[in-house]
N, C-alpha and C. Protein backbone atom coordinates (compact mmCIF):
# COMPACT_ATOMS: atom_id res chain seq x y z
N MET A 1 -3.91 16.06 11.60
CA MET A 1 -3.92 17.06 10.48
C MET A 1 -5.42 17.32 10.95
N GLY A 2 -5.75 18.67 10.76
CA GLY A 2 -7.04 19.56 11.10
C GLY A 2 -8.12 19.04 10.02
N GLN A 3 -9.23 19.24 10.21
CA GLN A 3 -10.45 18.79 9.33
C GLN A 3 -10.33 20.12 8.42
N SER A 4 -10.80 20.21 7.13
CA SER A 4 -11.21 21.40 6.51
C SER A 4 -12.64 21.75 6.29
N THR A 5 -12.79 22.87 6.60
CA THR A 5 -14.31 23.32 7.02
C THR A 5 -14.92 23.65 5.30
N MET A 6 -14.35 23.45 4.26
CA MET A 6 -14.74 23.56 3.08
C MET A 6 -15.48 22.38 2.54
N GLU A 7 -16.70 22.39 1.97
CA GLU A 7 -17.31 21.43 1.18
C GLU A 7 -16.18 20.59 0.19
N VAL A 8 -16.38 19.28 0.34
CA VAL A 8 -15.72 18.62 -0.60
C VAL A 8 -16.57 17.72 -1.49
N THR A 9 -16.25 17.65 -2.68
CA THR A 9 -17.24 17.04 -3.60
C THR A 9 -16.62 15.38 -3.21
N PRO A 10 -17.48 14.50 -3.01
CA PRO A 10 -16.99 13.31 -2.92
C PRO A 10 -16.36 12.97 -4.22
N PRO A 11 -14.96 12.05 -4.17
CA PRO A 11 -14.47 11.53 -5.13
C PRO A 11 -15.09 10.51 -5.84
N GLU A 12 -14.79 10.69 -7.18
CA GLU A 12 -15.58 9.40 -8.04
C GLU A 12 -14.53 8.11 -7.81
N ALA A 13 -15.10 6.84 -7.95
CA ALA A 13 -14.18 5.64 -7.60
C ALA A 13 -13.11 5.53 -8.65
N MET A 14 -12.06 5.05 -8.28
CA MET A 14 -11.17 4.96 -9.19
C MET A 14 -11.23 3.99 -10.27
N THR A 15 -10.72 4.06 -11.49
CA THR A 15 -10.96 3.21 -12.22
C THR A 15 -10.26 2.25 -12.50
N GLU A 16 -10.13 0.83 -12.89
CA GLU A 16 -9.17 -0.20 -13.09
C GLU A 16 -8.00 0.11 -13.74
N ALA A 17 -8.13 1.07 -14.76
CA ALA A 17 -6.82 1.47 -15.49
C ALA A 17 -5.93 2.43 -14.72
N GLU A 18 -6.82 3.35 -13.95
CA GLU A 18 -5.81 4.12 -12.47
C GLU A 18 -5.14 3.12 -11.85
N LEU A 19 -5.78 2.31 -11.60
CA LEU A 19 -5.11 1.47 -10.41
C LEU A 19 -4.03 0.41 -11.15
N GLU A 20 -4.21 0.20 -12.12
CA GLU A 20 -3.23 -0.69 -13.00
C GLU A 20 -2.20 0.21 -13.14
N GLU A 21 -2.11 1.58 -13.58
CA GLU A 21 -1.04 2.46 -13.87
C GLU A 21 -0.47 2.48 -12.52
N ILE A 22 -0.99 2.81 -11.34
CA ILE A 22 -0.24 2.65 -10.24
C ILE A 22 0.39 1.37 -9.85
N ARG A 23 -0.31 0.55 -9.96
CA ARG A 23 0.44 -0.61 -9.75
C ARG A 23 1.70 -0.95 -10.44
N ALA A 24 1.50 -0.79 -11.66
CA ALA A 24 2.88 -0.79 -12.54
C ALA A 24 3.70 0.04 -12.32
N ARG A 25 3.61 1.34 -11.72
CA ARG A 25 4.78 2.12 -11.36
C ARG A 25 5.20 1.61 -9.99
N SER A 26 4.51 1.36 -9.24
CA SER A 26 5.14 0.46 -7.92
C SER A 26 5.69 -0.56 -8.07
N GLU A 27 5.45 -1.52 -9.14
CA GLU A 27 5.91 -2.63 -9.32
C GLU A 27 7.46 -2.43 -10.11
N ALA A 28 7.49 -1.49 -10.87
CA ALA A 28 8.55 -1.12 -11.82
C ALA A 28 9.64 -0.33 -10.82
N ALA A 29 9.46 0.15 -9.69
CA ALA A 29 10.41 0.76 -8.96
C ALA A 29 11.20 0.04 -8.28
N THR A 30 12.23 0.79 -7.91
CA THR A 30 13.13 -0.12 -7.01
C THR A 30 12.65 -0.66 -5.50
N ALA A 31 12.94 -2.01 -5.33
CA ALA A 31 12.38 -2.60 -4.36
C ALA A 31 12.38 -1.48 -2.80
N GLY A 32 11.43 -1.64 -1.95
CA GLY A 32 11.71 -1.03 -0.73
C GLY A 32 12.06 -1.44 0.48
N PRO A 33 12.22 -0.88 1.64
CA PRO A 33 12.03 0.17 2.11
C PRO A 33 12.84 1.30 1.47
N TRP A 34 12.21 2.65 1.30
CA TRP A 34 12.95 3.58 0.91
C TRP A 34 12.80 4.87 2.13
N VAL A 35 14.16 5.07 2.30
CA VAL A 35 14.14 6.07 3.53
C VAL A 35 14.79 7.71 3.11
N SER A 36 14.12 8.61 3.32
CA SER A 36 14.58 9.98 2.87
C SER A 36 15.48 10.60 3.99
N TYR A 37 16.82 10.86 3.22
CA TYR A 37 18.06 11.39 4.12
C TYR A 37 17.90 13.10 3.94
N VAL A 38 17.77 13.79 4.80
CA VAL A 38 17.71 15.25 4.35
C VAL A 38 19.15 16.07 4.88
N GLU A 39 19.81 16.54 4.06
CA GLU A 39 20.85 17.23 4.60
C GLU A 39 20.51 18.22 5.30
N GLY A 40 21.09 18.62 6.69
CA GLY A 40 20.56 19.63 7.94
C GLY A 40 19.72 19.24 8.71
N ARG A 41 18.74 17.86 8.24
CA ARG A 41 17.77 17.44 9.17
C ARG A 41 18.32 15.89 9.78
N ASP A 42 18.70 15.21 8.62
CA ASP A 42 19.12 13.83 8.96
C ASP A 42 20.61 13.70 9.35
N HIS A 43 21.32 14.47 8.68
CA HIS A 43 22.75 14.50 8.58
C HIS A 43 23.25 16.00 8.28
N LEU A 44 24.65 15.78 8.61
CA LEU A 44 24.92 17.36 8.61
C LEU A 44 26.19 17.85 7.39
N SER A 45 26.43 16.72 6.47
CA SER A 45 27.11 16.72 5.55
C SER A 45 26.73 16.06 4.29
N GLY A 46 27.18 16.48 3.22
CA GLY A 46 26.65 15.64 1.93
C GLY A 46 25.10 16.43 1.47
N ASP A 47 24.96 15.16 0.57
CA ASP A 47 23.74 15.42 -0.15
C ASP A 47 22.36 14.94 0.49
N SER A 48 21.21 15.50 0.09
CA SER A 48 20.22 14.93 0.50
C SER A 48 19.85 13.65 -0.35
N LEU A 49 19.18 12.59 0.09
CA LEU A 49 19.02 11.42 -0.89
C LEU A 49 17.83 10.72 -0.41
N ILE A 50 17.39 9.72 -1.13
CA ILE A 50 16.49 8.67 -1.00
C ILE A 50 17.39 7.38 -0.88
N MET A 51 17.47 6.74 0.43
CA MET A 51 18.04 5.33 0.31
C MET A 51 17.18 4.19 0.05
N THR A 52 17.56 3.41 -0.99
CA THR A 52 16.75 2.22 -1.17
C THR A 52 17.35 0.77 -0.71
N ALA A 53 16.64 -0.26 -0.76
CA ALA A 53 17.55 -1.32 -0.23
C ALA A 53 18.71 -1.65 -0.97
N ASP A 54 18.81 -1.20 -2.38
CA ASP A 54 19.77 -1.48 -3.34
C ASP A 54 20.88 -0.42 -3.69
N GLN A 55 20.37 1.22 -3.39
CA GLN A 55 21.44 2.02 -3.74
C GLN A 55 20.57 3.35 -3.30
N ASP A 56 21.51 4.45 -3.26
CA ASP A 56 21.29 5.82 -3.04
C ASP A 56 20.52 6.39 -4.06
N ILE A 57 19.11 6.80 -4.17
CA ILE A 57 18.80 7.45 -5.27
C ILE A 57 19.16 9.21 -5.29
N GLN A 58 19.94 9.14 -6.05
CA GLN A 58 20.54 10.72 -6.22
C GLN A 58 19.92 11.29 -7.78
N ARG A 59 20.28 12.15 -8.28
CA ARG A 59 20.08 12.49 -9.51
C ARG A 59 20.69 11.77 -10.64
N THR A 60 21.72 11.14 -10.26
CA THR A 60 22.52 10.12 -11.32
C THR A 60 22.07 8.54 -11.19
N ASN A 61 21.68 8.13 -10.02
CA ASN A 61 21.27 7.00 -9.69
C ASN A 61 19.83 6.27 -9.87
N ALA A 62 18.92 7.52 -9.97
CA ALA A 62 17.53 6.93 -10.02
C ALA A 62 17.57 6.44 -11.55
N THR A 63 16.52 5.16 -11.55
CA THR A 63 16.02 4.54 -12.58
C THR A 63 14.94 5.48 -13.13
N VAL A 64 14.62 5.22 -14.25
CA VAL A 64 13.56 5.97 -14.68
C VAL A 64 12.26 5.60 -14.31
N ALA A 65 12.17 4.36 -13.87
CA ALA A 65 11.04 3.77 -13.15
C ALA A 65 10.80 4.58 -12.02
N ASP A 66 12.03 4.42 -11.05
CA ASP A 66 11.76 5.25 -9.86
C ASP A 66 11.56 6.74 -9.91
N GLN A 67 11.96 7.54 -11.01
CA GLN A 67 11.80 8.65 -11.03
C GLN A 67 10.21 9.23 -11.28
N ASP A 68 9.76 8.25 -12.22
CA ASP A 68 8.25 7.99 -12.57
C ASP A 68 7.15 7.75 -11.21
N PHE A 69 7.87 6.77 -10.43
CA PHE A 69 7.21 6.50 -8.93
C PHE A 69 7.08 7.56 -8.17
N ILE A 70 8.03 8.44 -8.18
CA ILE A 70 8.50 9.50 -7.35
C ILE A 70 7.61 10.60 -7.60
N ALA A 71 7.77 10.95 -8.81
CA ALA A 71 6.86 11.97 -9.48
C ALA A 71 5.40 11.89 -9.47
N HIS A 72 4.90 10.41 -9.74
CA HIS A 72 3.43 10.11 -9.58
C HIS A 72 2.94 9.92 -8.40
N ALA A 73 3.67 10.15 -7.35
CA ALA A 73 3.25 9.84 -6.08
C ALA A 73 2.58 11.18 -5.44
N ARG A 74 2.85 12.34 -6.11
CA ARG A 74 2.07 13.44 -5.69
C ARG A 74 0.57 13.41 -5.85
N GLN A 75 0.30 12.76 -7.09
CA GLN A 75 -1.03 12.30 -7.40
C GLN A 75 -1.73 11.33 -6.98
N ASP A 76 -0.97 10.15 -6.88
CA ASP A 76 -1.21 9.07 -6.37
C ASP A 76 -1.76 8.70 -5.31
N VAL A 77 -1.10 9.23 -4.33
CA VAL A 77 -1.27 9.02 -3.01
C VAL A 77 -2.64 9.61 -2.62
N PRO A 78 -2.84 10.77 -3.03
CA PRO A 78 -4.27 11.28 -2.35
C PRO A 78 -5.01 10.74 -3.40
N ARG A 79 -4.85 10.22 -4.43
CA ARG A 79 -6.22 9.86 -5.22
C ARG A 79 -6.52 8.33 -4.40
N LEU A 80 -5.39 7.54 -4.22
CA LEU A 80 -5.57 6.48 -3.49
C LEU A 80 -6.38 6.60 -2.03
N LEU A 81 -5.77 7.88 -1.41
CA LEU A 81 -6.45 8.31 0.02
C LEU A 81 -8.10 8.48 -0.06
N ALA A 82 -8.41 9.28 -1.07
CA ALA A 82 -9.70 9.28 -1.41
C ALA A 82 -10.51 8.19 -1.71
N GLU A 83 -10.00 7.34 -2.52
CA GLU A 83 -10.50 6.13 -2.81
C GLU A 83 -11.13 4.99 -1.47
N VAL A 84 -10.02 5.42 -0.67
CA VAL A 84 -10.10 4.60 0.54
C VAL A 84 -11.11 5.27 1.56
N ALA A 85 -11.24 6.38 1.57
CA ALA A 85 -12.31 7.19 2.17
C ALA A 85 -13.68 6.89 1.28
N LEU A 86 -13.68 6.84 0.25
CA LEU A 86 -14.91 6.45 -0.46
C LEU A 86 -15.60 5.16 -0.01
N LEU A 87 -14.55 4.12 -0.12
CA LEU A 87 -15.06 2.96 0.26
C LEU A 87 -15.31 2.69 1.83
N ARG A 88 -14.67 3.35 2.69
CA ARG A 88 -14.93 3.15 3.90
C ARG A 88 -16.45 4.08 4.16
N ARG A 89 -16.76 4.65 3.09
CA ARG A 89 -18.02 5.26 3.73
C ARG A 89 -19.30 4.30 3.06
N ARG A 90 -19.07 3.32 2.47
CA ARG A 90 -19.98 2.60 1.84
C ARG A 90 -20.43 1.64 2.74
N PRO A 91 -21.62 1.08 2.93
CA PRO A 91 -22.29 0.33 3.91
C PRO A 91 -21.92 -1.22 3.90
């Protein structure tokens, strides 16, 4: 991906509470690895789904913990990446 030319405010370090919340969601979710199968991209018929080690996660099979993990990933992953970048800049 290309670098943005906009100024970016350095992120604040993650709190232990933030890390613990992410850890708890990760540990509560179905074991991995997970694979995304998108109808039309990865196969030609059926539904798009996420395959876990145990089951297909579709609307009816996802556990509450899996749904929370998936939904929070949009915020958690960028936050974790910012934390890694912050740590790498430290002497």
